[in-house]
């Protein structure tokens, strides 16, 4: 990395906005912060006096809790707001709500919203930093970064690897961030799923499309299974979950088709027996819990880099 390089982004709206150097900076910083979570006293004063608002318009367990844990371990003051607990249920717009929150002078707002582009809209109207915790089907950049970190730890590198992403590509913001991130870092990405769940133009993000799972995972170093996102589908896009599991579920046979050292990932929550066989989810190749652990370290790094901690 260039010795003169410095991470200089006020917001994190998507991995499309970051360079390979930016991504590597986040990963290196996350590695240095990961050790804090193994201490007896898991707290440092890095962001003391900073105020962070978690503003979530959609249900979330892992992402919201991960950001909250990350902020608290760095001594920031955190506040959680859900859509049901905000004035948006009374008809107030996102921008008006955000401006009222901004009037309280937070340093950072972490937003999850069902509409693509909502994080960028928010960033255009307030002075606080904005971190996109998932906007519609657009991007989920912090998940993409923790996936990159997990692969780099497991494989020692990212460049030159083959990554296979299987499932609901059309509705997955995780898939979009992963395709962008892994491609920028020199990996090749292949996607597969029911034809109705592969969006047109996905190749423009850097992915290759395979018609079958076995073709997609052949020789893969990393297999990423995605959840079927029924809540975002306006109509039935495949016959049944049983048929999906038969043709696109990650089974022992599928994993054996990949490289002998292939690892299996999933952003969660897992629908066991649908996109992922329980034997694989709990097996030696699974790094799903490592993803959760790295999620805290990556989000600590992002808060530090974006908010300018000491």
C-alpha atoms as a PDB file:
ATOM      1  CA  UNK A   1       0.000   0.000   0.000  1.00  0.00           C
ATOM      2  CA  UNK A   2       1.216   3.511  -0.836  1.00  0.00           C
ATOM      3  CA  UNK A   3       2.813   4.984   2.328  1.00  0.00           C
ATOM      4  CA  UNK A   4       1.070   8.277   1.514  1.00  0.00           C
ATOM      5  CA  UNK A   5      -2.336   6.597   1.337  1.00  0.00           C
ATOM      6  CA  UNK A   6      -5.065   7.677   3.762  1.00  0.00           C
ATOM      7  CA  UNK A   7      -8.678   6.528   3.989  1.00  0.00           C
ATOM      8  CA  UNK A   8     -10.642   9.715   3.293  1.00  0.00           C
ATOM      9  CA  UNK A   9     -14.303   8.742   2.981  1.00  0.00           C
ATOM     10  CA  UNK A  10     -16.886  10.522   5.113  1.00  0.00           C
ATOM     11  CA  UNK A  11     -19.586   7.944   4.293  1.00  0.00           C
ATOM     12  CA  UNK A  12     -19.781   4.268   3.411  1.00  0.00           C
ATOM     13  CA  UNK A  13     -22.631   3.917   0.931  1.00  0.00           C
ATOM     14  CA  UNK A  14     -21.349   1.001  -1.146  1.00  0.00           C
ATOM     15  CA  UNK A  15     -18.214  -0.883  -2.114  1.00  0.00           C
ATOM     16  CA  UNK A  16     -18.615   0.594  -5.588  1.00  0.00           C
ATOM     17  CA  UNK A  17     -17.318   3.856  -4.060  1.00  0.00           C
ATOM     18  CA  UNK A  18     -14.161   2.276  -2.602  1.00  0.00           C
ATOM     19  CA  UNK A  19     -10.875   1.515  -4.319  1.00  0.00           C
ATOM     20  CA  UNK A  20      -8.895  -1.673  -3.768  1.00  0.00           C
ATOM     21  CA  UNK A  21      -6.584   0.367  -1.509  1.00  0.00           C
ATOM     22  CA  UNK A  22      -9.573   1.573   0.523  1.00  0.00           C
ATOM     23  CA  UNK A  23     -10.765  -1.993   0.988  1.00  0.00           C
ATOM     24  CA  UNK A  24      -7.315  -3.217   1.991  1.00  0.00           C
ATOM     25  CA  UNK A  25      -7.064  -0.362   4.495  1.00  0.00           C
ATOM     26  CA  UNK A  26     -10.342  -1.420   6.132  1.00  0.00           C
ATOM     27  CA  UNK A  27      -9.232  -5.059   6.291  1.00  0.00           C
ATOM     28  CA  UNK A  28      -5.862  -4.199   7.830  1.00  0.00           C
ATOM     29  CA  UNK A  29      -7.494  -1.907  10.383  1.00  0.00           C
ATOM     30  CA  UNK A  30     -10.056  -4.594  11.243  1.00  0.00           C
ATOM     31  CA  UNK A  31      -7.265  -7.099  11.891  1.00  0.00           C
ATOM     32  CA  UNK A  32      -5.710  -4.697  14.397  1.00  0.00           C
ATOM     33  CA  UNK A  33      -9.064  -4.191  16.167  1.00  0.00           C
ATOM     34  CA  UNK A  34     -10.022  -7.872  16.261  1.00  0.00           C
ATOM     35  CA  UNK A  35      -7.705  -8.518  19.202  1.00  0.00           C
ATOM     36  CA  UNK A  36      -9.779  -6.185  21.395  1.00  0.00           C
ATOM     37  CA  UNK A  37     -12.712  -8.611  21.356  1.00  0.00           C
ATOM     38  CA  UNK A  38     -10.571 -11.338  22.932  1.00  0.00           C
ATOM     39  CA  UNK A  39      -9.470  -9.248  25.908  1.00  0.00           C
ATOM     40  CA  UNK A  40     -10.826  -9.685  29.403  1.00  0.00           C
ATOM     41  CA  UNK A  41     -12.007  -6.064  29.264  1.00  0.00           C
ATOM     42  CA  UNK A  42     -13.332  -5.553  25.750  1.00  0.00           C
ATOM     43  CA  UNK A  43     -13.263  -1.773  25.660  1.00  0.00           C
ATOM     44  CA  UNK A  44     -10.982   0.985  24.394  1.00  0.00           C
ATOM     45  CA  UNK A  45     -11.500   4.776  24.492  1.00  0.00           C
ATOM     46  CA  UNK A  46     -11.011   5.229  20.738  1.00  0.00           C
ATOM     47  CA  UNK A  47     -14.416   6.863  20.038  1.00  0.00           C
ATOM     48  CA  UNK A  48     -15.139   8.306  23.457  1.00  0.00           C
ATOM     49  CA  UNK A  49     -17.459  11.313  23.113  1.00  0.00           C
ATOM     50  CA  UNK A  50     -18.755  10.251  19.690  1.00  0.00           C
ATOM     51  CA  UNK A  51     -22.480   9.653  19.154  1.00  0.00           C
ATOM     52  CA  UNK A  52     -23.795   6.937  16.829  1.00  0.00           C
ATOM     53  CA  UNK A  53     -27.430   6.334  15.888  1.00  0.00           C
ATOM     54  CA  UNK A  54     -28.541   2.938  14.557  1.00  0.00           C
ATOM     55  CA  UNK A  55     -31.582   3.747  12.400  1.00  0.00           C
ATOM     56  CA  UNK A  56     -33.140   0.498  11.162  1.00  0.00           C
ATOM     57  CA  UNK A  57     -36.287   0.386   9.026  1.00  0.00           C
ATOM     58  CA  UNK A  58     -36.070  -3.405   8.605  1.00  0.00           C
ATOM     59  CA  UNK A  59     -35.694  -6.261  11.091  1.00  0.00           C
ATOM     60  CA  UNK A  60     -32.083  -7.103  11.854  1.00  0.00           C
ATOM     61  CA  UNK A  61     -30.252  -9.063  14.498  1.00  0.00           C
ATOM     62  CA  UNK A  62     -26.670  -9.655  13.342  1.00  0.00           C
ATOM     63  CA  UNK A  63     -26.013  -6.329  11.600  1.00  0.00           C
ATOM     64  CA  UNK A  64     -27.638  -4.044  14.179  1.00  0.00           C
ATOM     65  CA  UNK A  65     -26.117  -5.863  17.143  1.00  0.00           C
ATOM     66  CA  UNK A  66     -22.720  -6.044  15.437  1.00  0.00           C
ATOM     67  CA  UNK A  67     -22.640  -2.274  14.863  1.00  0.00           C
ATOM     68  CA  UNK A  68     -23.812  -1.651  18.434  1.00  0.00           C
ATOM     69  CA  UNK A  69     -21.193  -3.970  19.927  1.00  0.00           C
ATOM     70  CA  UNK A  70     -18.504  -2.388  17.731  1.00  0.00           C
ATOM     71  CA  UNK A  71     -19.446   1.124  18.845  1.00  0.00           C
ATOM     72  CA  UNK A  72     -19.657   0.242  22.538  1.00  0.00           C
ATOM     73  CA  UNK A  73     -16.304  -1.536  22.493  1.00  0.00           C
ATOM     74  CA  UNK A  74     -14.822   1.737  21.244  1.00  0.00           C
ATOM     75  CA  UNK A  75     -16.623   3.721  23.981  1.00  0.00           C
ATOM     76  CA  UNK A  76     -19.024   5.589  21.668  1.00  0.00           C
ATOM     77  CA  UNK A  77     -22.532   6.540  22.813  1.00  0.00           C
ATOM     78  CA  UNK A  78     -25.101   4.545  20.818  1.00  0.00           C
ATOM     79  CA  UNK A  79     -28.844   4.925  20.300  1.00  0.00           C
ATOM     80  CA  UNK A  80     -31.130   2.504  18.471  1.00  0.00           C
ATOM     81  CA  UNK A  81     -34.205   3.605  16.527  1.00  0.00           C
ATOM     82  CA  UNK A  82     -36.533   1.318  14.585  1.00  0.00           C
ATOM     83  CA  UNK A  83     -39.108   2.424  12.023  1.00  0.00           C
ATOM     84  CA  UNK A  84     -41.931   1.440  14.390  1.00  0.00           C
ATOM     85  CA  UNK A  85     -40.449   3.715  17.021  1.00  0.00           C
ATOM     86  CA  UNK A  86     -39.887   6.719  14.772  1.00  0.00           C
ATOM     87  CA  UNK A  87     -42.129   9.452  13.389  1.00  0.00           C
ATOM     88  CA  UNK A  88     -42.079   7.817   9.950  1.00  0.00           C
ATOM     89  CA  UNK A  89     -45.072   5.740  11.086  1.00  0.00           C
ATOM     90  CA  UNK A  90     -46.924   9.063  11.463  1.00  0.00           C
ATOM     91  CA  UNK A  91     -46.153  10.090   7.901  1.00  0.00           C
ATOM     92  CA  UNK A  92     -42.857  11.919   8.360  1.00  0.00           C
ATOM     93  CA  UNK A  93     -40.410  11.466   5.481  1.00  0.00           C
ATOM     94  CA  UNK A  94     -36.994   9.864   5.843  1.00  0.00           C
ATOM     95  CA  UNK A  95     -35.307  13.197   5.123  1.00  0.00           C
ATOM     96  CA  UNK A  96     -37.365  15.077   7.738  1.00  0.00           C
ATOM     97  CA  UNK A  97     -36.667  12.397  10.335  1.00  0.00           C
ATOM     98  CA  UNK A  98     -32.969  12.467   9.475  1.00  0.00           C
ATOM     99  CA  UNK A  99     -32.795  16.255   9.715  1.00  0.00           C
ATOM    100  CA  UNK A 100     -34.363  16.119  13.162  1.00  0.00           C
ATOM    101  CA  UNK A 101     -31.830  13.507  14.217  1.00  0.00           C
ATOM    102  CA  UNK A 102     -29.020  15.574  12.678  1.00  0.00           C
ATOM    103  CA  UNK A 103     -30.150  18.569  14.753  1.00  0.00           C
ATOM    104  CA  UNK A 104     -29.077  16.545  17.800  1.00  0.00           C
ATOM    105  CA  UNK A 105     -25.523  16.506  16.358  1.00  0.00           C
ATOM    106  CA  UNK A 106     -24.746  12.793  16.051  1.00  0.00           C
ATOM    107  CA  UNK A 107     -21.405  11.932  14.496  1.00  0.00           C
ATOM    108  CA  UNK A 108     -22.707   8.976  12.494  1.00  0.00           C
ATOM    109  CA  UNK A 109     -26.035   7.477  11.425  1.00  0.00           C
ATOM    110  CA  UNK A 110     -26.101   3.799  10.471  1.00  0.00           C
ATOM    111  CA  UNK A 111     -29.083   3.221   8.197  1.00  0.00           C
ATOM    112  CA  UNK A 112     -30.904   0.119   7.026  1.00  0.00           C
ATOM    113  CA  UNK A 113     -33.817   0.804   4.692  1.00  0.00           C
ATOM    114  CA  UNK A 114     -35.957  -1.232   2.274  1.00  0.00           C
ATOM    115  CA  UNK A 115     -35.458   1.299  -0.552  1.00  0.00           C
ATOM    116  CA  UNK A 116     -32.353   1.198  -2.729  1.00  0.00           C
ATOM    117  CA  UNK A 117     -30.529   4.525  -2.679  1.00  0.00           C
ATOM    118  CA  UNK A 118     -31.876   5.602   0.718  1.00  0.00           C
ATOM    119  CA  UNK A 119     -28.404   5.804   2.307  1.00  0.00           C
ATOM    120  CA  UNK A 120     -27.141   8.105  -0.453  1.00  0.00           C
ATOM    121  CA  UNK A 121     -30.272  10.242  -0.141  1.00  0.00           C
ATOM    122  CA  UNK A 122     -29.633  10.578   3.580  1.00  0.00           C
ATOM    123  CA  UNK A 123     -25.965  11.464   3.068  1.00  0.00           C
ATOM    124  CA  UNK A 124     -26.970  14.242   0.660  1.00  0.00           C
ATOM    125  CA  UNK A 125     -29.162  15.947   3.266  1.00  0.00           C
ATOM    126  CA  UNK A 126     -27.276  15.770   6.594  1.00  0.00           C
ATOM    127  CA  UNK A 127     -23.797  16.631   7.851  1.00  0.00           C
ATOM    128  CA  UNK A 128     -23.244  13.481   9.894  1.00  0.00           C
ATOM    129  CA  UNK A 129     -21.461  10.490   8.404  1.00  0.00           C
ATOM    130  CA  UNK A 130     -23.742   7.804   6.999  1.00  0.00           C
ATOM    131  CA  UNK A 131     -22.982   4.080   6.900  1.00  0.00           C
ATOM    132  CA  UNK A 132     -25.206   1.945   4.714  1.00  0.00           C
ATOM    133  CA  UNK A 133     -26.296  -1.143   6.656  1.00  0.00           C
ATOM    134  CA  UNK A 134     -28.288  -2.409   3.668  1.00  0.00           C
ATOM    135  CA  UNK A 135     -30.508  -0.454   1.272  1.00  0.00           C
ATOM    136  CA  UNK A 136     -33.114  -2.416  -0.647  1.00  0.00           C
ATOM    137  CA  UNK A 137     -31.474  -4.698  -3.176  1.00  0.00           C
ATOM    138  CA  UNK A 138     -28.572  -2.291  -3.775  1.00  0.00           C
ATOM    139  CA  UNK A 139     -25.638  -2.970  -1.425  1.00  0.00           C
ATOM    140  CA  UNK A 140     -24.649  -4.116   2.050  1.00  0.00           C
ATOM    141  CA  UNK A 141     -21.030  -2.893   2.112  1.00  0.00           C
ATOM    142  CA  UNK A 142     -20.040  -3.828   5.662  1.00  0.00           C
ATOM    143  CA  UNK A 143     -21.177  -7.413   5.025  1.00  0.00           C
ATOM    144  CA  UNK A 144     -19.101  -7.463   1.852  1.00  0.00           C
ATOM    145  CA  UNK A 145     -16.059  -6.272   3.799  1.00  0.00           C
ATOM    146  CA  UNK A 146     -16.440  -8.861   6.554  1.00  0.00           C
ATOM    147  CA  UNK A 147     -16.784 -11.559   3.905  1.00  0.00           C
ATOM    148  CA  UNK A 148     -13.538 -10.348   2.319  1.00  0.00           C
ATOM    149  CA  UNK A 149     -11.820 -10.381   5.704  1.00  0.00           C
ATOM    150  CA  UNK A 150     -13.026 -13.915   6.432  1.00  0.00           C
ATOM    151  CA  UNK A 151     -11.757 -15.216   3.102  1.00  0.00           C
ATOM    152  CA  UNK A 152      -8.416 -13.434   3.471  1.00  0.00           C
ATOM    153  CA  UNK A 153      -7.938 -14.989   6.910  1.00  0.00           C
ATOM    154  CA  UNK A 154      -8.915 -18.474   5.744  1.00  0.00           C
ATOM    155  CA  UNK A 155      -6.998 -18.441   2.471  1.00  0.00           C
ATOM    156  CA  UNK A 156      -4.193 -15.965   3.116  1.00  0.00           C
ATOM    157  CA  UNK A 157      -5.164 -14.004   0.013  1.00  0.00           C
ATOM    158  CA  UNK A 158      -8.079 -12.909  -2.149  1.00  0.00           C
ATOM    159  CA  UNK A 159      -6.476 -12.304  -5.537  1.00  0.00           C
ATOM    160  CA  UNK A 160      -6.670 -15.320  -7.821  1.00  0.00           C
ATOM    161  CA  UNK A 161      -9.376 -17.157  -5.882  1.00  0.00           C
ATOM    162  CA  UNK A 162     -12.605 -18.456  -7.405  1.00  0.00           C
ATOM    163  CA  UNK A 163     -15.724 -17.430  -5.494  1.00  0.00           C
ATOM    164  CA  UNK A 164     -19.091 -19.084  -6.227  1.00  0.00           C
ATOM    165  CA  UNK A 165     -22.229 -17.285  -4.990  1.00  0.00           C
ATOM    166  CA  UNK A 166     -25.373 -19.410  -5.098  1.00  0.00           C
ATOM    167  CA  UNK A 167     -28.975 -18.349  -4.542  1.00  0.00           C
ATOM    168  CA  UNK A 168     -31.232 -15.328  -4.791  1.00  0.00           C
ATOM    169  CA  UNK A 169     -28.840 -12.994  -6.600  1.00  0.00           C
ATOM    170  CA  UNK A 170     -31.575 -10.627  -7.807  1.00  0.00           C
ATOM    171  CA  UNK A 171     -32.767  -9.590  -4.344  1.00  0.00           C
ATOM    172  CA  UNK A 172     -29.477  -9.895  -2.459  1.00  0.00           C
ATOM    173  CA  UNK A 173     -27.635  -6.699  -1.573  1.00  0.00           C
ATOM    174  CA  UNK A 174     -24.964  -8.956  -0.042  1.00  0.00           C
ATOM    175  CA  UNK A 175     -24.380 -10.612  -3.415  1.00  0.00           C
ATOM    176  CA  UNK A 176     -23.968  -7.233  -5.100  1.00  0.00           C
ATOM    177  CA  UNK A 177     -21.427  -6.001  -2.534  1.00  0.00           C
ATOM    178  CA  UNK A 178     -19.553  -9.314  -2.625  1.00  0.00           C
ATOM    179  CA  UNK A 179     -19.341  -9.342  -6.413  1.00  0.00           C
ATOM    180  CA  UNK A 180     -17.999  -5.786  -6.435  1.00  0.00           C
ATOM    181  CA  UNK A 181     -15.600  -6.328  -3.525  1.00  0.00           C
ATOM    182  CA  UNK A 182     -14.123  -9.663  -4.555  1.00  0.00           C
ATOM    183  CA  UNK A 183     -13.737  -8.498  -8.161  1.00  0.00           C
ATOM    184  CA  UNK A 184     -11.895  -5.342  -7.069  1.00  0.00           C
ATOM    185  CA  UNK A 185      -9.546  -7.441  -4.955  1.00  0.00           C
ATOM    186  CA  UNK A 186      -8.632  -9.740  -7.834  1.00  0.00           C
ATOM    187  CA  UNK A 187     -10.885 -12.771  -7.317  1.00  0.00           C
ATOM    188  CA  UNK A 188     -13.149 -14.239  -9.986  1.00  0.00           C
ATOM    189  CA  UNK A 189     -16.848 -14.494  -9.106  1.00  0.00           C
ATOM    190  CA  UNK A 190     -19.362 -16.957 -10.528  1.00  0.00           C
ATOM    191  CA  UNK A 191     -23.061 -16.848  -9.633  1.00  0.00           C
ATOM    192  CA  UNK A 192     -25.818 -19.411 -10.029  1.00  0.00           C
ATOM    193  CA  UNK A 193     -29.449 -19.804  -9.072  1.00  0.00           C
ATOM    194  CA  UNK A 194     -32.896 -20.138 -10.622  1.00  0.00           C
ATOM    195  CA  UNK A 195     -33.011 -18.132 -13.861  1.00  0.00           C
ATOM    196  CA  UNK A 196     -35.754 -15.977 -12.360  1.00  0.00           C
ATOM    197  CA  UNK A 197     -33.392 -14.962  -9.541  1.00  0.00           C
ATOM    198  CA  UNK A 198     -30.458 -13.942 -11.750  1.00  0.00           C
ATOM    199  CA  UNK A 199     -30.877 -10.267 -12.659  1.00  0.00           C
ATOM    200  CA  UNK A 200     -30.035  -9.023 -16.148  1.00  0.00           C
ATOM    201  CA  UNK A 201     -26.743  -7.158 -16.318  1.00  0.00           C
ATOM    202  CA  UNK A 202     -25.172  -8.878 -13.318  1.00  0.00           C
ATOM    203  CA  UNK A 203     -22.096  -9.493 -15.490  1.00  0.00           C
ATOM    204  CA  UNK A 204     -21.486  -5.734 -15.501  1.00  0.00           C
ATOM    205  CA  UNK A 205     -20.630  -5.946 -11.798  1.00  0.00           C
ATOM    206  CA  UNK A 206     -17.924  -8.492 -12.596  1.00  0.00           C
ATOM    207  CA  UNK A 207     -19.689 -11.854 -12.259  1.00  0.00           C
ATOM    208  CA  UNK A 208     -19.940 -14.838 -14.576  1.00  0.00           C
ATOM    209  CA  UNK A 209     -23.270 -16.687 -14.664  1.00  0.00           C
ATOM    210  CA  UNK A 210     -23.453 -20.507 -14.555  1.00  0.00           C
ATOM    211  CA  UNK A 211     -26.625 -22.430 -15.293  1.00  0.00           C
ATOM    212  CA  UNK A 212     -26.027 -25.133 -12.699  1.00  0.00           C
ATOM    213  CA  UNK A 213     -24.616 -25.159  -9.181  1.00  0.00           C
ATOM    214  CA  UNK A 214     -22.145 -27.941  -9.968  1.00  0.00           C
ATOM    215  CA  UNK A 215     -20.753 -25.926 -12.866  1.00  0.00           C
ATOM    216  CA  UNK A 216     -20.509 -22.814 -10.690  1.00  0.00           C
ATOM    217  CA  UNK A 217     -18.657 -24.466  -7.801  1.00  0.00           C
ATOM    218  CA  UNK A 218     -16.275 -26.617  -9.843  1.00  0.00           C
ATOM    219  CA  UNK A 219     -12.791 -25.718  -8.643  1.00  0.00           C
ATOM    220  CA  UNK A 220     -14.135 -22.980  -6.339  1.00  0.00           C
ATOM    221  CA  UNK A 221     -12.138 -21.851  -3.316  1.00  0.00           C
ATOM    222  CA  UNK A 222     -15.136 -20.173  -1.683  1.00  0.00           C
ATOM    223  CA  UNK A 223     -18.831 -21.104  -1.782  1.00  0.00           C
ATOM    224  CA  UNK A 224     -21.292 -18.459  -0.626  1.00  0.00           C
ATOM    225  CA  UNK A 225     -24.894 -19.591  -0.082  1.00  0.00           C
ATOM    226  CA  UNK A 226     -27.595 -16.921  -0.019  1.00  0.00           C
ATOM    227  CA  UNK A 227     -30.986 -16.902   1.669  1.00  0.00           C
ATOM    228  CA  UNK A 228     -34.133 -16.938  -0.455  1.00  0.00           C
ATOM    229  CA  UNK A 229     -35.596 -13.506   0.280  1.00  0.00           C
ATOM    230  CA  UNK A 230     -39.317 -14.132   0.064  1.00  0.00           C
ATOM    231  CA  UNK A 231     -40.077 -10.769   1.662  1.00  0.00           C
ATOM    232  CA  UNK A 232     -38.685  -8.977  -1.411  1.00  0.00           C
ATOM    233  CA  UNK A 233     -40.379 -11.155  -4.006  1.00  0.00           C
ATOM    234  CA  UNK A 234     -43.653  -9.851  -5.375  1.00  0.00           C
ATOM    235  CA  UNK A 235     -44.563 -13.210  -6.932  1.00  0.00           C
ATOM    236  CA  UNK A 236     -43.495 -16.855  -6.840  1.00  0.00           C
ATOM    237  CA  UNK A 237     -40.233 -17.047  -8.783  1.00  0.00           C
ATOM    238  CA  UNK A 238     -39.595 -20.798  -8.426  1.00  0.00           C
ATOM    239  CA  UNK A 239     -41.909 -23.800  -7.905  1.00  0.00           C
ATOM    240  CA  UNK A 240     -41.150 -24.699  -4.280  1.00  0.00           C
ATOM    241  CA  UNK A 241     -38.510 -24.648  -1.560  1.00  0.00           C
ATOM    242  CA  UNK A 242     -38.149 -28.410  -1.934  1.00  0.00           C
ATOM    243  CA  UNK A 243     -37.310 -28.049  -5.614  1.00  0.00           C
ATOM    244  CA  UNK A 244     -34.953 -25.160  -4.877  1.00  0.00           C
ATOM    245  CA  UNK A 245     -33.109 -27.264  -2.296  1.00  0.00           C
ATOM    246  CA  UNK A 246     -32.832 -30.135  -4.774  1.00  0.00           C
ATOM    247  CA  UNK A 247     -31.294 -28.107  -7.587  1.00  0.00           C
ATOM    248  CA  UNK A 248     -29.583 -25.174  -5.835  1.00  0.00           C
ATOM    249  CA  UNK A 249     -29.034 -26.195  -2.207  1.00  0.00           C
ATOM    250  CA  UNK A 250     -25.431 -26.580  -1.025  1.00  0.00           C
ATOM    251  CA  UNK A 251     -25.142 -30.287  -0.260  1.00  0.00           C
ATOM    252  CA  UNK A 252     -22.098 -32.496   0.464  1.00  0.00           C
ATOM    253  CA  UNK A 253     -22.084 -33.458  -3.226  1.00  0.00           C
ATOM    254  CA  UNK A 254     -21.889 -29.809  -4.247  1.00  0.00           C
ATOM    255  CA  UNK A 255     -19.070 -29.052  -1.818  1.00  0.00           C
ATOM    256  CA  UNK A 256     -17.116 -32.104  -2.984  1.00  0.00           C
ATOM    257  CA  UNK A 257     -17.262 -30.701  -6.525  1.00  0.00           C
ATOM    258  CA  UNK A 258     -15.383 -27.618  -5.373  1.00  0.00           C
ATOM    259  CA  UNK A 259     -11.714 -27.474  -4.498  1.00  0.00           C
ATOM    260  CA  UNK A 260     -10.512 -29.811  -1.718  1.00  0.00           C
ATOM    261  CA  UNK A 261      -9.880 -26.826   0.551  1.00  0.00           C
ATOM    262  CA  UNK A 262     -13.046 -24.885  -0.334  1.00  0.00           C
ATOM    263  CA  UNK A 263     -14.727 -22.977   2.487  1.00  0.00           C
ATOM    264  CA  UNK A 264     -18.480 -22.400   2.853  1.00  0.00           C
ATOM    265  CA  UNK A 265     -20.022 -19.063   3.842  1.00  0.00           C
ATOM    266  CA  UNK A 266     -23.491 -17.649   4.485  1.00  0.00           C
ATOM    267  CA  UNK A 267     -24.477 -14.099   5.524  1.00  0.00           C
ATOM    268  CA  UNK A 268     -27.357 -15.418   7.676  1.00  0.00           C
ATOM    269  CA  UNK A 269     -29.957 -16.122   8.724  1.00  0.00           C
ATOM    270  CA  UNK A 270     -29.740 -19.674   7.386  1.00  0.00           C
ATOM    271  CA  UNK A 271     -32.764 -21.612   6.157  1.00  0.00           C
ATOM    272  CA  UNK A 272     -31.392 -25.044   7.043  1.00  0.00           C
ATOM    273  CA  UNK A 273     -32.226 -27.722   4.534  1.00  0.00           C
ATOM    274  CA  UNK A 274     -33.084 -25.143   1.862  1.00  0.00           C
ATOM    275  CA  UNK A 275     -30.023 -23.222   0.711  1.00  0.00           C
ATOM    276  CA  UNK A 276     -27.624 -25.084   2.987  1.00  0.00           C
ATOM    277  CA  UNK A 277     -27.481 -28.678   4.222  1.00  0.00           C
ATOM    278  CA  UNK A 278     -27.119 -28.713   8.053  1.00  0.00           C
ATOM    279  CA  UNK A 279     -24.113 -31.056   7.736  1.00  0.00           C
ATOM    280  CA  UNK A 280     -22.338 -28.383   5.688  1.00  0.00           C
ATOM    281  CA  UNK A 281     -23.458 -25.456   7.854  1.00  0.00           C
ATOM    282  CA  UNK A 282     -21.999 -27.152  10.947  1.00  0.00           C
ATOM    283  CA  UNK A 283     -19.101 -28.902   9.212  1.00  0.00           C
ATOM    284  CA  UNK A 284     -15.369 -28.270   9.162  1.00  0.00           C
ATOM    285  CA  UNK A 285     -15.503 -26.254   5.946  1.00  0.00           C
ATOM    286  CA  UNK A 286     -17.980 -23.730   7.342  1.00  0.00           C
ATOM    287  CA  UNK A 287     -16.638 -20.302   8.352  1.00  0.00           C
ATOM    288  CA  UNK A 288     -20.067 -18.842   9.127  1.00  0.00           C
ATOM    289  CA  UNK A 289     -19.305 -18.104  12.788  1.00  0.00           C
ATOM    290  CA  UNK A 290     -15.975 -16.559  11.769  1.00  0.00           C
ATOM    291  CA  UNK A 291     -18.006 -14.186   9.594  1.00  0.00           C
ATOM    292  CA  UNK A 292     -19.963 -13.087  12.659  1.00  0.00           C
ATOM    293  CA  UNK A 293     -16.774 -12.531  14.673  1.00  0.00           C
ATOM    294  CA  UNK A 294     -15.162 -10.578  11.848  1.00  0.00           C
ATOM    295  CA  UNK A 295     -18.304  -8.489  11.471  1.00  0.00           C
ATOM    296  CA  UNK A 296     -17.585  -6.758  14.775  1.00  0.00           C
ATOM    297  CA  UNK A 297     -13.929  -6.106  13.861  1.00  0.00           C
ATOM    298  CA  UNK A 298     -14.814  -4.721  10.413  1.00  0.00           C
ATOM    299  CA  UNK A 299     -17.470  -2.418  11.839  1.00  0.00           C
ATOM    300  CA  UNK A 300     -15.054  -1.179  14.497  1.00  0.00           C
ATOM    301  CA  UNK A 301     -12.590  -0.400  11.709  1.00  0.00           C
ATOM    302  CA  UNK A 302     -15.224   1.430   9.658  1.00  0.00           C
ATOM    303  CA  UNK A 303     -16.342   3.571  12.595  1.00  0.00           C
ATOM    304  CA  UNK A 304     -12.721   4.398  13.377  1.00  0.00           C
ATOM    305  CA  UNK A 305     -11.752   5.269   9.795  1.00  0.00           C
ATOM    306  CA  UNK A 306     -14.905   7.241   8.994  1.00  0.00           C
ATOM    307  CA  UNK A 307     -15.237   9.099  12.290  1.00  0.00           C
ATOM    308  CA  UNK A 308     -11.566   9.812  12.812  1.00  0.00           C
ATOM    309  CA  UNK A 309     -11.027   8.126  16.165  1.00  0.00           C
ATOM    310  CA  UNK A 310      -7.897   8.668  18.230  1.00  0.00           C
END
